[in-house]
Amino acid sequence: MALCLVVALSGAPVANGLPAQGTCKINPASLAYSPGYAQLVVAPDRRTVYVAGQVAQDSTGALLGGADPAAQTRAVFGNLRRALDVVGAGWADVLHWNIYVTAAELVPVFRQVRQEVLAGVAPPAATLVQVQGLARSDWLLEVEAVVTAPRLLDCATLRRRERPTVP
């Protein structure tokens, strides 16, 4: 699909009928908030979405899954699913994952849960790295993603899904 950029009579750029926008940073209420980064960043093309690294925590920051690698991996995929939902995307829309695991023994667990979650959808391009640790010592893995949204995204609409008060 070609993106047509025109200038309306008001002089404001318009792309496919929507006002032009720059980079859009979103912190949806369904994901944990951190003052240091945005959970989702929509690129100026309005379809490319960068999803911050997701870990096994709920929207309040509490650990999910305890020390169980499979449970943590399911929690991570749950957070990725919530991020995809915000932009109307599905697993097939994920272009690339960066996967960080704290031990090589976690790789087969990750792959098994990924296969269950994707349920027949081909996995995206990926980089998997073993790291010494993550930001919290009880997190076993982290996954960040690049997604292409199935439609043009409007930042104003996405911001309605943010937390009521974001510092």
Foldseek 3Di string as FASTA:
>chain_A
DDWDWDADPVRFIDIPRHTQDAKFAAAFLFAADDPPGGQWIQHRVQFKIKGPKFWQATNPRHGFPFLHLLRGLVSRVVVVQVVCVLLVHDQLQWAEKEKEFQDPVSVVSNVVSVCVVCVPRDHHHYHYYHDNDDPDRRTGMIMITIGTRPDGHDNVVSRVRHDPDDD
